[in-house]
C-alpha atoms as a PDB file:
ATOM      1  CA  MET A   1      -5.902   5.315  45.107  1.00  0.00           C
ATOM      2  CA  ALA A   2      -3.265   3.490  42.730  1.00  0.00           C
ATOM      3  CA  ARG A   3      -0.346   6.153  41.658  1.00  0.00           C
ATOM      4  CA  VAL A   4       0.653   5.691  37.993  1.00  0.00           C
ATOM      5  CA  PHE A   5       3.543   7.370  36.554  1.00  0.00           C
ATOM      6  CA  SER A   6       4.304   8.017  32.846  1.00  0.00           C
ATOM      7  CA  GLY A   7       6.886   9.758  31.000  1.00  0.00           C
ATOM      8  CA  ILE A   8       7.194  11.774  27.508  1.00  0.00           C
ATOM      9  CA  LYS A   9      10.759  12.310  26.626  1.00  0.00           C
ATOM     10  CA  PRO A  10      11.131  16.253  24.722  1.00  0.00           C
ATOM     11  CA  THR A  11      12.665  15.024  21.562  1.00  0.00           C
ATOM     12  CA  GLY A  12      10.349  15.696  18.178  1.00  0.00           C
ATOM     13  CA  SER A  13       7.226  16.926  17.604  1.00  0.00           C
ATOM     14  CA  VAL A  14       3.586  15.869  19.234  1.00  0.00           C
ATOM     15  CA  HIS A  15       1.790  14.484  16.365  1.00  0.00           C
ATOM     16  CA  LEU A  16      -1.831  13.197  16.883  1.00  0.00           C
ATOM     17  CA  GLY A  17      -1.226   9.562  17.154  1.00  0.00           C
ATOM     18  CA  ASN A  18       0.658  10.979  20.614  1.00  0.00           C
ATOM     19  CA  LEU A  19      -3.107  12.668  21.982  1.00  0.00           C
ATOM     20  CA  LEU A  20      -5.322  10.008  20.376  1.00  0.00           C
ATOM     21  CA  GLY A  21      -3.334   6.730  21.567  1.00  0.00           C
ATOM     22  CA  ALA A  22      -1.651   8.294  24.378  1.00  0.00           C
ATOM     23  CA  LEU A  23      -2.260  11.382  26.006  1.00  0.00           C
ATOM     24  CA  ARG A  24      -6.002  11.242  26.377  1.00  0.00           C
ATOM     25  CA  ASN A  25      -5.610   8.686  28.345  1.00  0.00           C
ATOM     26  CA  TRP A  26      -3.294  11.012  30.744  1.00  0.00           C
ATOM     27  CA  VAL A  27      -6.297  13.167  30.872  1.00  0.00           C
ATOM     28  CA  VAL A  28      -8.724  10.415  32.211  1.00  0.00           C
ATOM     29  CA  MET A  29      -5.810   9.023  34.273  1.00  0.00           C
ATOM     30  CA  GLN A  30      -5.302  12.162  36.194  1.00  0.00           C
ATOM     31  CA  ASP A  31      -9.140  11.830  37.438  1.00  0.00           C
ATOM     32  CA  GLU A  32      -8.976   8.136  38.360  1.00  0.00           C
ATOM     33  CA  ALA A  33      -5.094   7.740  40.047  1.00  0.00           C
ATOM     34  CA  ASP A  34      -2.667   9.894  41.938  1.00  0.00           C
ATOM     35  CA  ALA A  35      -1.052  10.756  38.247  1.00  0.00           C
ATOM     36  CA  VAL A  36       2.689  12.040  38.146  1.00  0.00           C
ATOM     37  CA  TYR A  37       3.480  12.783  34.810  1.00  0.00           C
ATOM     38  CA  CYS A  38       7.506  13.852  33.816  1.00  0.00           C
ATOM     39  CA  VAL A  39       8.776  15.463  30.818  1.00  0.00           C
ATOM     40  CA  VAL A  40      12.060  13.359  30.932  1.00  0.00           C
ATOM     41  CA  ASP A  41      14.670  15.912  29.486  1.00  0.00           C
ATOM     42  CA  LEU A  42      17.819  14.174  31.203  1.00  0.00           C
ATOM     43  CA  HIS A  43      16.849  11.123  28.773  1.00  0.00           C
ATOM     44  CA  ALA A  44      17.228  13.384  25.633  1.00  0.00           C
ATOM     45  CA  LEU A  45      21.051  13.265  26.354  1.00  0.00           C
ATOM     46  CA  THR A  46      21.688  10.491  25.518  1.00  0.00           C
ATOM     47  CA  VAL A  47      23.092  11.625  22.287  1.00  0.00           C
ATOM     48  CA  ARG A  48      24.123  14.494  20.791  1.00  0.00           C
ATOM     49  CA  HIS A  49      21.531  17.383  20.746  1.00  0.00           C
ATOM     50  CA  ASP A  50      21.848  21.407  20.422  1.00  0.00           C
ATOM     51  CA  PRO A  51      20.769  23.040  24.315  1.00  0.00           C
ATOM     52  CA  ALA A  52      18.878  25.875  22.965  1.00  0.00           C
ATOM     53  CA  GLU A  53      16.475  23.493  21.113  1.00  0.00           C
ATOM     54  CA  LEU A  54      15.919  20.839  24.155  1.00  0.00           C
ATOM     55  CA  ARG A  55      15.168  23.690  26.350  1.00  0.00           C
ATOM     56  CA  ALA A  56      12.876  25.248  23.864  1.00  0.00           C
ATOM     57  CA  ALA A  57      11.592  21.865  23.557  1.00  0.00           C
ATOM     58  CA  THR A  58      11.338  20.937  26.857  1.00  0.00           C
ATOM     59  CA  LEU A  59       8.705  24.111  27.461  1.00  0.00           C
ATOM     60  CA  SER A  60       6.952  23.524  24.085  1.00  0.00           C
ATOM     61  CA  LEU A  61       5.928  19.676  25.425  1.00  0.00           C
ATOM     62  CA  ALA A  62       4.959  20.746  29.081  1.00  0.00           C
ATOM     63  CA  GLN A  63       2.603  23.600  27.693  1.00  0.00           C
ATOM     64  CA  LEU A  64       0.984  20.746  25.028  1.00  0.00           C
ATOM     65  CA  LEU A  65       0.677  18.598  27.644  1.00  0.00           C
ATOM     66  CA  ILE A  66      -1.074  21.519  29.748  1.00  0.00           C
ATOM     67  CA  ALA A  67      -3.133  22.509  26.591  1.00  0.00           C
ATOM     68  CA  SER A  68      -4.272  18.878  26.175  1.00  0.00           C
ATOM     69  CA  GLY A  69      -6.139  18.820  29.116  1.00  0.00           C
ATOM     70  CA  ILE A  70      -3.277  17.699  31.892  1.00  0.00           C
ATOM     71  CA  ASP A  71      -4.277  19.498  34.448  1.00  0.00           C
ATOM     72  CA  PRO A  72      -0.692  20.840  37.339  1.00  0.00           C
ATOM     73  CA  GLU A  73      -3.815  20.633  40.077  1.00  0.00           C
ATOM     74  CA  ARG A  74      -5.302  17.280  39.359  1.00  0.00           C
ATOM     75  CA  CYS A  75      -2.064  15.774  38.879  1.00  0.00           C
ATOM     76  CA  THR A  76       1.724  16.068  39.405  1.00  0.00           C
ATOM     77  CA  LEU A  77       3.508  17.740  36.068  1.00  0.00           C
ATOM     78  CA  PHE A  78       7.288  18.544  36.597  1.00  0.00           C
ATOM     79  CA  VAL A  79      10.429  18.453  34.514  1.00  0.00           C
ATOM     80  CA  GLN A  80      12.686  15.853  35.163  1.00  0.00           C
ATOM     81  CA  GLY A  81      15.957  18.024  35.526  1.00  0.00           C
ATOM     82  CA  HIS A  82      14.027  19.803  38.255  1.00  0.00           C
ATOM     83  CA  VAL A  83      14.154  17.270  40.508  1.00  0.00           C
ATOM     84  CA  PRO A  84      17.724  15.507  41.464  1.00  0.00           C
ATOM     85  CA  GLU A  85      17.013  12.796  43.263  1.00  0.00           C
ATOM     86  CA  HIS A  86      16.390  10.778  40.255  1.00  0.00           C
ATOM     87  CA  THR A  87      20.378  11.159  39.279  1.00  0.00           C
ATOM     88  CA  GLU A  88      21.120  10.043  42.388  1.00  0.00           C
ATOM     89  CA  CYS A  89      18.756   7.651  43.067  1.00  0.00           C
ATOM     90  CA  ALA A  90      19.940   6.248  39.123  1.00  0.00           C
ATOM     91  CA  TRP A  91      23.346   5.762  40.143  1.00  0.00           C
ATOM     92  CA  VAL A  92      22.308   3.258  42.418  1.00  0.00           C
ATOM     93  CA  MET A  93      19.986   1.543  40.162  1.00  0.00           C
ATOM     94  CA  GLU A  94      23.087   1.689  37.987  1.00  0.00           C
ATOM     95  CA  CYS A  95      24.703  -0.488  40.971  1.00  0.00           C
ATOM     96  CA  THR A  96      21.999  -2.966  41.521  1.00  0.00           C
ATOM     97  CA  ALA A  97      21.422  -3.898  37.707  1.00  0.00           C
ATOM     98  CA  SER A  98      23.458  -6.058  36.047  1.00  0.00           C
ATOM     99  CA  PHE A  99      25.542  -5.175  32.876  1.00  0.00           C
ATOM    100  CA  GLY A 100      24.284  -8.459  31.212  1.00  0.00           C
ATOM    101  CA  GLU A 101      20.067  -6.809  32.057  1.00  0.00           C
ATOM    102  CA  LEU A 102      21.164  -3.327  30.182  1.00  0.00           C
ATOM    103  CA  ARG A 103      23.110  -5.016  27.825  1.00  0.00           C
ATOM    104  CA  ARG A 104      19.996  -7.748  26.754  1.00  0.00           C
ATOM    105  CA  MET A 105      17.655  -4.518  26.467  1.00  0.00           C
ATOM    106  CA  THR A 106      16.675  -4.133  23.117  1.00  0.00           C
ATOM    107  CA  GLN A 107      16.084  -0.439  22.641  1.00  0.00           C
ATOM    108  CA  PHE A 108      19.603  -0.125  23.301  1.00  0.00           C
ATOM    109  CA  LYS A 109      20.973  -2.798  20.470  1.00  0.00           C
ATOM    110  CA  ASP A 110      18.345  -1.221  17.656  1.00  0.00           C
ATOM    111  CA  LYS A 111      19.863   2.806  18.595  1.00  0.00           C
ATOM    112  CA  SER A 112      23.558   1.732  19.215  1.00  0.00           C
ATOM    113  CA  GLU A 113      23.639  -0.391  15.763  1.00  0.00           C
ATOM    114  CA  GLY A 114      25.687   1.463  13.078  1.00  0.00           C
ATOM    115  CA  ALA A 115      26.322   4.660  15.135  1.00  0.00           C
ATOM    116  CA  ASP A 116      29.786   6.014  15.342  1.00  0.00           C
ATOM    117  CA  PHE A 117      29.145   7.007  18.838  1.00  0.00           C
ATOM    118  CA  VAL A 118      27.517   5.739  21.830  1.00  0.00           C
ATOM    119  CA  SER A 119      27.458   7.007  24.910  1.00  0.00           C
ATOM    120  CA  GLY A 120      27.494   5.691  28.246  1.00  0.00           C
ATOM    121  CA  GLY A 121      24.348   6.814  28.809  1.00  0.00           C
ATOM    122  CA  LEU A 122      22.365   5.545  26.373  1.00  0.00           C
ATOM    123  CA  PHE A 123      23.812   1.799  27.846  1.00  0.00           C
ATOM    124  CA  THR A 124      22.864   2.819  31.303  1.00  0.00           C
ATOM    125  CA  TYR A 125      19.425   4.394  30.770  1.00  0.00           C
ATOM    126  CA  PRO A 126      17.134   2.178  31.824  1.00  0.00           C
ATOM    127  CA  ALA A 127      18.717   2.411  35.159  1.00  0.00           C
ATOM    128  CA  LEU A 128      17.388   5.856  34.833  1.00  0.00           C
ATOM    129  CA  GLN A 129      13.916   4.865  33.806  1.00  0.00           C
ATOM    130  CA  ALA A 130      13.583   2.773  36.681  1.00  0.00           C
ATOM    131  CA  SER A 131      14.646   5.662  39.333  1.00  0.00           C
ATOM    132  CA  ASP A 132      12.061   7.599  37.435  1.00  0.00           C
ATOM    133  CA  ILE A 133       9.255   5.082  38.474  1.00  0.00           C
ATOM    134  CA  LEU A 134      10.764   3.682  41.918  1.00  0.00           C
ATOM    135  CA  LEU A 135      11.237   7.454  43.586  1.00  0.00           C
ATOM    136  CA  TYR A 136       7.296   7.356  43.600  1.00  0.00           C
ATOM    137  CA  ASP A 137       6.186   4.152  44.887  1.00  0.00           C
ATOM    138  CA  THR A 138       4.283   3.302  41.933  1.00  0.00           C
ATOM    139  CA  ASP A 139       1.798   0.958  41.589  1.00  0.00           C
ATOM    140  CA  GLN A 140       1.500   1.124  38.300  1.00  0.00           C
ATOM    141  CA  VAL A 141       2.870   2.165  34.480  1.00  0.00           C
ATOM    142  CA  PRO A 142       0.584   2.763  31.835  1.00  0.00           C
ATOM    143  CA  VAL A 143       3.038   1.128  28.718  1.00  0.00           C
ATOM    144  CA  GLY A 144       2.850   0.251  25.269  1.00  0.00           C
ATOM    145  CA  GLU A 145       4.614  -3.200  24.319  1.00  0.00           C
ATOM    146  CA  ASP A 146       7.563  -1.231  23.321  1.00  0.00           C
ATOM    147  CA  GLN A 147       8.821  -0.498  26.963  1.00  0.00           C
ATOM    148  CA  ARG A 148       7.407  -3.744  28.649  1.00  0.00           C
ATOM    149  CA  GLN A 149      10.917  -5.213  28.784  1.00  0.00           C
ATOM    150  CA  HIS A 150      11.922  -1.638  30.793  1.00  0.00           C
ATOM    151  CA  ILE A 151       9.184  -2.177  33.082  1.00  0.00           C
ATOM    152  CA  GLU A 152      10.055  -6.113  33.614  1.00  0.00           C
ATOM    153  CA  LEU A 153      13.471  -4.328  34.143  1.00  0.00           C
ATOM    154  CA  THR A 154      12.716  -1.912  36.729  1.00  0.00           C
ATOM    155  CA  ARG A 155      10.446  -4.796  38.529  1.00  0.00           C
ATOM    156  CA  ASP A 156      13.745  -7.028  38.459  1.00  0.00           C
ATOM    157  CA  ILE A 157      15.905  -4.632  40.184  1.00  0.00           C
ATOM    158  CA  ALA A 158      13.360  -3.101  42.944  1.00  0.00           C
ATOM    159  CA  THR A 159      12.562  -6.890  43.902  1.00  0.00           C
ATOM    160  CA  ARG A 160      16.847  -7.358  44.243  1.00  0.00           C
ATOM    161  CA  PHE A 161      16.822  -4.318  45.897  1.00  0.00           C
ATOM    162  CA  ASN A 162      14.453  -5.479  48.539  1.00  0.00           C
ATOM    163  CA  SER A 163      16.108  -8.374  49.414  1.00  0.00           C
ATOM    164  CA  ARG A 164      19.608  -7.374  50.004  1.00  0.00           C
ATOM    165  CA  TYR A 165      18.482  -4.546  51.815  1.00  0.00           C
ATOM    166  CA  GLY A 166      15.008  -4.496  53.390  1.00  0.00           C
ATOM    167  CA  ASP A 167      11.971  -3.266  51.631  1.00  0.00           C
ATOM    168  CA  THR A 168      12.351  -0.279  50.435  1.00  0.00           C
ATOM    169  CA  PHE A 169      10.829   0.274  46.706  1.00  0.00           C
ATOM    170  CA  VAL A 170       7.334  -0.715  45.477  1.00  0.00           C
ATOM    171  CA  VAL A 171       7.559  -3.390  42.878  1.00  0.00           C
ATOM    172  CA  PRO A 172       5.763  -1.900  40.163  1.00  0.00           C
ATOM    173  CA  GLU A 173       3.230  -3.410  37.605  1.00  0.00           C
ATOM    174  CA  ALA A 174       3.096  -2.804  33.495  1.00  0.00           C
ATOM    175  CA  VAL A 175      -0.406  -1.752  32.292  1.00  0.00           C
ATOM    176  CA  ILE A 176      -2.059  -1.863  28.921  1.00  0.00           C
ATOM    177  CA  PRO A 177      -3.893   1.256  29.338  1.00  0.00           C
ATOM    178  CA  PRO A 178      -7.527   1.234  27.423  1.00  0.00           C
ATOM    179  CA  ALA A 179      -7.103   0.818  23.912  1.00  0.00           C
ATOM    180  CA  GLY A 180      -6.805   4.247  22.105  1.00  0.00           C
ATOM    181  CA  ALA A 181      -6.864   4.504  18.527  1.00  0.00           C
ATOM    182  CA  ARG A 182      -3.697   3.561  16.712  1.00  0.00           C
ATOM    183  CA  ILE A 183      -2.809   6.379  14.399  1.00  0.00           C
ATOM    184  CA  MET A 184      -0.489   5.345  11.727  1.00  0.00           C
ATOM    185  CA  ASP A 185       0.979   7.276   8.811  1.00  0.00           C
ATOM    186  CA  LEU A 186      -0.972   8.907   6.370  1.00  0.00           C
ATOM    187  CA  GLN A 187       1.810   7.936   3.422  1.00  0.00           C
ATOM    188  CA  HIS A 188       2.773   4.804   4.717  1.00  0.00           C
ATOM    189  CA  PRO A 189      -0.103   2.968   6.892  1.00  0.00           C
ATOM    190  CA  GLU A 190       1.254  -0.185   7.557  1.00  0.00           C
ATOM    191  CA  ASN A 191       3.752   2.227  10.470  1.00  0.00           C
ATOM    192  CA  LYS A 192       2.483   4.184  13.340  1.00  0.00           C
ATOM    193  CA  MET A 193       2.869   7.925  12.963  1.00  0.00           C
ATOM    194  CA  SER A 194       5.962   9.036  14.347  1.00  0.00           C
ATOM    195  CA  LYS A 195       7.379  11.654  16.521  1.00  0.00           C
ATOM    196  CA  SER A 196      10.859  11.601  14.727  1.00  0.00           C
ATOM    197  CA  ASP A 197       8.908  12.529  11.067  1.00  0.00           C
ATOM    198  CA  ASP A 198       8.863  16.478  12.335  1.00  0.00           C
ATOM    199  CA  GLY A 199       7.217  18.033   9.305  1.00  0.00           C
ATOM    200  CA  ALA A 200       6.679  14.902   6.962  1.00  0.00           C
ATOM    201  CA  GLN A 201       3.792  14.809   4.904  1.00  0.00           C
ATOM    202  CA  GLY A 202       1.980  11.609   6.814  1.00  0.00           C
ATOM    203  CA  THR A 203       1.981  13.290  10.219  1.00  0.00           C
ATOM    204  CA  ILE A 204      -0.325  15.413  11.497  1.00  0.00           C
ATOM    205  CA  LEU A 205       1.284  17.124  14.158  1.00  0.00           C
ATOM    206  CA  LEU A 206      -0.639  18.711  17.261  1.00  0.00           C
ATOM    207  CA  LEU A 207       0.782  22.597  15.614  1.00  0.00           C
ATOM    208  CA  ASP A 208      -0.046  22.181  12.435  1.00  0.00           C
ATOM    209  CA  ASP A 209      -2.362  24.897  10.988  1.00  0.00           C
ATOM    210  CA  PRO A 210      -5.860  24.193   9.172  1.00  0.00           C
ATOM    211  CA  SER A 211      -4.213  24.283   5.598  1.00  0.00           C
ATOM    212  CA  ALA A 212      -1.343  21.933   6.459  1.00  0.00           C
ATOM    213  CA  ILE A 213      -3.669  19.871   7.907  1.00  0.00           C
ATOM    214  CA  HIS A 214      -6.350  20.221   5.010  1.00  0.00           C
ATOM    215  CA  LYS A 215      -3.369  19.555   2.580  1.00  0.00           C
ATOM    216  CA  LYS A 216      -1.679  16.124   4.565  1.00  0.00           C
ATOM    217  CA  PHE A 217      -5.526  14.344   4.593  1.00  0.00           C
ATOM    218  CA  LYS A 218      -5.681  15.342   1.041  1.00  0.00           C
ATOM    219  CA  ARG A 219      -2.833  13.426   0.127  1.00  0.00           C
ATOM    220  CA  ALA A 220      -3.355  10.530   2.087  1.00  0.00           C
ATOM    221  CA  VAL A 221      -2.953   6.971   1.118  1.00  0.00           C
ATOM    222  CA  THR A 222      -6.173   5.189   0.170  1.00  0.00           C
ATOM    223  CA  ASP A 223      -6.352   2.621  -2.493  1.00  0.00           C
ATOM    224  CA  SER A 224      -7.789   2.055  -5.787  1.00  0.00           C
ATOM    225  CA  ASP A 225     -11.314  -0.126  -5.412  1.00  0.00           C
ATOM    226  CA  GLY A 226     -13.402   3.221  -4.448  1.00  0.00           C
ATOM    227  CA  GLU A 227     -15.510   1.515  -1.278  1.00  0.00           C
ATOM    228  CA  VAL A 228     -15.221   3.315   2.388  1.00  0.00           C
ATOM    229  CA  ARG A 229     -14.755   0.798   4.867  1.00  0.00           C
ATOM    230  CA  PHE A 230     -12.763  -0.273   7.820  1.00  0.00           C
ATOM    231  CA  ASP A 231     -10.982  -3.102   7.117  1.00  0.00           C
ATOM    232  CA  PRO A 232      -7.216  -2.561   8.536  1.00  0.00           C
ATOM    233  CA  THR A 233      -5.794  -5.913   7.017  1.00  0.00           C
ATOM    234  CA  LEU A 234      -7.036  -4.985   3.168  1.00  0.00           C
ATOM    235  CA  LYS A 235      -7.476  -1.557   3.418  1.00  0.00           C
ATOM    236  CA  PRO A 236      -4.996  -0.038   5.854  1.00  0.00           C
ATOM    237  CA  GLY A 237      -4.923   3.633   4.063  1.00  0.00           C
ATOM    238  CA  VAL A 238      -8.921   4.104   4.333  1.00  0.00           C
ATOM    239  CA  SER A 239      -9.501   2.085   7.894  1.00  0.00           C
ATOM    240  CA  ASN A 240      -6.396   4.791   8.833  1.00  0.00           C
ATOM    241  CA  LEU A 241      -8.773   7.537   8.110  1.00  0.00           C
ATOM    242  CA  LEU A 242     -12.126   5.853   9.535  1.00  0.00           C
ATOM    243  CA  SER A 243      -9.824   5.620  12.851  1.00  0.00           C
ATOM    244  CA  ILE A 244      -8.878   9.336  12.869  1.00  0.00           C
ATOM    245  CA  LEU A 245     -12.226  10.496  12.237  1.00  0.00           C
ATOM    246  CA  GLY A 246     -14.017   7.909  14.916  1.00  0.00           C
ATOM    247  CA  ALA A 247     -11.754   9.113  17.560  1.00  0.00           C
ATOM    248  CA  ALA A 248     -12.038  12.544  16.409  1.00  0.00           C
ATOM    249  CA  ILE A 249     -15.392  12.225  16.759  1.00  0.00           C
ATOM    250  CA  ASP A 250     -15.645   9.658  19.867  1.00  0.00           C
ATOM    251  CA  ARG A 251     -16.679   6.956  17.408  1.00  0.00           C
ATOM    252  CA  GLY A 252     -15.957   3.783  16.610  1.00  0.00           C
ATOM    253  CA  PRO A 253     -14.446   3.694  13.416  1.00  0.00           C
ATOM    254  CA  GLU A 254     -16.818   1.316  11.230  1.00  0.00           C
ATOM    255  CA  ALA A 255     -19.545   3.453  12.966  1.00  0.00           C
ATOM    256  CA  ALA A 256     -17.499   6.994  11.232  1.00  0.00           C
ATOM    257  CA  ALA A 257     -17.904   5.459   7.710  1.00  0.00           C
ATOM    258  CA  ASP A 258     -21.823   5.845   7.737  1.00  0.00           C
ATOM    259  CA  GLY A 259     -22.608   8.004   5.091  1.00  0.00           C
ATOM    260  CA  ILE A 260     -19.343   8.326   3.593  1.00  0.00           C
ATOM    261  CA  GLU A 261     -19.127   6.925   0.610  1.00  0.00           C
ATOM    262  CA  ARG A 262     -16.382   9.019  -1.683  1.00  0.00           C
ATOM    263  CA  TYR A 263     -12.556   8.873  -0.512  1.00  0.00           C
ATOM    264  CA  GLY A 264     -12.404  12.541  -0.874  1.00  0.00           C
ATOM    265  CA  ASP A 265     -15.497  13.213   1.628  1.00  0.00           C
ATOM    266  CA  LEU A 266     -13.948  10.894   4.178  1.00  0.00           C
ATOM    267  CA  LYS A 267     -10.410  12.837   3.817  1.00  0.00           C
ATOM    268  CA  GLU A 268     -12.063  16.028   3.963  1.00  0.00           C
ATOM    269  CA  ALA A 269     -14.625  14.959   7.199  1.00  0.00           C
ATOM    270  CA  THR A 270     -11.481  13.612   8.941  1.00  0.00           C
ATOM    271  CA  ALA A 271      -9.581  16.688   7.949  1.00  0.00           C
ATOM    272  CA  GLU A 272     -12.275  19.409   9.121  1.00  0.00           C
ATOM    273  CA  ALA A 273     -12.807  16.768  12.815  1.00  0.00           C
ATOM    274  CA  VAL A 274      -9.335  16.900  13.385  1.00  0.00           C
ATOM    275  CA  ILE A 275      -9.054  20.538  12.772  1.00  0.00           C
ATOM    276  CA  ASP A 276     -12.143  20.823  15.265  1.00  0.00           C
ATOM    277  CA  LEU A 277     -10.348  18.786  17.520  1.00  0.00           C
ATOM    278  CA  LEU A 278      -6.885  20.597  17.780  1.00  0.00           C
ATOM    279  CA  ARG A 279      -8.514  23.973  17.606  1.00  0.00           C
ATOM    280  CA  PRO A 280      -8.844  24.313  21.534  1.00  0.00           C
ATOM    281  CA  LEU A 281      -5.499  22.716  22.380  1.00  0.00           C
ATOM    282  CA  GLN A 282      -3.944  25.112  19.417  1.00  0.00           C
ATOM    283  CA  ALA A 283      -5.449  27.971  21.246  1.00  0.00           C
ATOM    284  CA  ARG A 284      -4.504  26.823  24.847  1.00  0.00           C
ATOM    285  CA  TYR A 285      -0.940  26.649  24.028  1.00  0.00           C
ATOM    286  CA  HIS A 286      -0.429  29.763  22.387  1.00  0.00           C
ATOM    287  CA  GLU A 287      -1.628  31.370  25.584  1.00  0.00           C
ATOM    288  CA  LEU A 288       0.679  29.456  27.340  1.00  0.00           C
ATOM    289  CA  ALA A 289       3.611  30.347  24.967  1.00  0.00           C
ATOM    290  CA  ALA A 290       2.855  34.238  25.247  1.00  0.00           C
ATOM    291  CA  ASP A 291       2.916  33.897  29.323  1.00  0.00           C
ATOM    292  CA  PRO A 292       6.606  31.159  29.804  1.00  0.00           C
ATOM    293  CA  ALA A 293       6.591  32.528  32.898  1.00  0.00           C
ATOM    294  CA  GLU A 294       3.178  30.881  33.777  1.00  0.00           C
ATOM    295  CA  THR A 295       4.449  27.257  32.665  1.00  0.00           C
ATOM    296  CA  GLY A 296       7.495  27.908  34.681  1.00  0.00           C
ATOM    297  CA  ARG A 297       5.683  28.360  38.104  1.00  0.00           C
ATOM    298  CA  LEU A 298       3.539  25.374  37.218  1.00  0.00           C
ATOM    299  CA  LEU A 299       6.608  23.435  36.493  1.00  0.00           C
ATOM    300  CA  ALA A 300       8.461  24.690  40.213  1.00  0.00           C
ATOM    301  CA  LEU A 301       5.092  23.620  41.876  1.00  0.00           C
ATOM    302  CA  GLY A 302       4.972  19.830  39.930  1.00  0.00           C
ATOM    303  CA  ALA A 303       8.817  19.556  41.119  1.00  0.00           C
ATOM    304  CA  GLU A 304       8.470  20.607  44.627  1.00  0.00           C
ATOM    305  CA  LYS A 305       4.845  18.067  44.487  1.00  0.00           C
ATOM    306  CA  ALA A 306       7.359  15.389  43.072  1.00  0.00           C
ATOM    307  CA  ARG A 307      10.361  16.318  45.239  1.00  0.00           C
ATOM    308  CA  THR A 308       7.913  15.807  48.251  1.00  0.00           C
ATOM    309  CA  VAL A 309       7.706  11.759  47.685  1.00  0.00           C
ATOM    310  CA  ALA A 310      10.961  11.493  45.774  1.00  0.00           C
ATOM    311  CA  SER A 311      13.224  13.105  48.874  1.00  0.00           C
ATOM    312  CA  ALA A 312      11.389  10.425  51.373  1.00  0.00           C
ATOM    313  CA  THR A 313      11.836   7.460  49.090  1.00  0.00           C
ATOM    314  CA  LEU A 314      15.838   8.254  48.212  1.00  0.00           C
ATOM    315  CA  ASP A 315      15.911   8.998  52.343  1.00  0.00           C
ATOM    316  CA  ARG A 316      14.710   5.355  53.018  1.00  0.00           C
ATOM    317  CA  MET A 317      16.832   4.129  50.415  1.00  0.00           C
ATOM    318  CA  ARG A 318      20.312   5.784  51.725  1.00  0.00           C
ATOM    319  CA  SER A 319      19.057   4.504  54.726  1.00  0.00           C
ATOM    320  CA  ASN A 320      18.988   1.072  53.630  1.00  0.00           C
ATOM    321  CA  LEU A 321      22.081   0.888  52.180  1.00  0.00           C
ATOM    322  CA  GLY A 322      24.202   1.939  55.118  1.00  0.00           C
ATOM    323  CA  LEU A 323      24.902   5.683  54.158  1.00  0.00           C
ATOM    324  CA  LEU A 324      25.336   8.186  56.797  1.00  0.00           C
ATOM    325  CA  PRO A 325      22.775  10.834  56.890  1.00  0.00           C
ATOM    326  CA  ARG A 326      23.042  13.752  55.753  1.00  0.00           C
END
């Protein structure tokens, strides 16, 4: 089985777009591949943060992943900061990547522009990301287009290291996962639903209660012509609702429109479908939240599994570099 690696940062709140566009694929991949899933808490340190909030968000995100169907017995699920091999490997990745390569990263340019303070970690975090991937002899990294540049850098680093010091790292492939539903903002359907818009009226959070979900869908932007049909170009708001409804009931967006003639009925049907979809996830999340020690136990087991692989890769890297054995 191919090994796949995916990570998610504990910043912002997990929303419906994350579930339908990515996490559903994670659930499928854990039975089709040797799946390694990581809550990348160290990546959250590149900007100022509240320590208590980060700690709570990391635990909550792990619980949401498990509640969404990620099974620690069918995959490796862990917190990045629990596996110290990541940071040691990251230093070597920083020494292998060039200053110019890191400076050209689009996300660094976007996030640093106009900022009062830009941390060194924000500049070098692609090296930590390369470490995350390469430590696990990863074959495939499922990514969206916005992350493809980072995977190309990881491939360049691995190839350069192997050329200089001998065969050490598997050179991973970026793969576009099967098309999940493209979930857009309910108020601004030209934009993707965003983790950074916590509590916004256009974002359905996975832990929103049914009344909040109803209210957000009731206020969702549509258009003025009154026709329920799937046409993302001319009818982005209506098409977004059909995409959400279709994904929630496992139908295509065109088929989801069958029998629905009024926008009010479409909004009500979509709200009810989403509430039904999220009900078991929320119930499982609240079970886990009531027993944080159990989540801690599962994450510790995941970290132990991860370290078995990561430490072997790190030992190989250290030996090939010429570092003295410990």
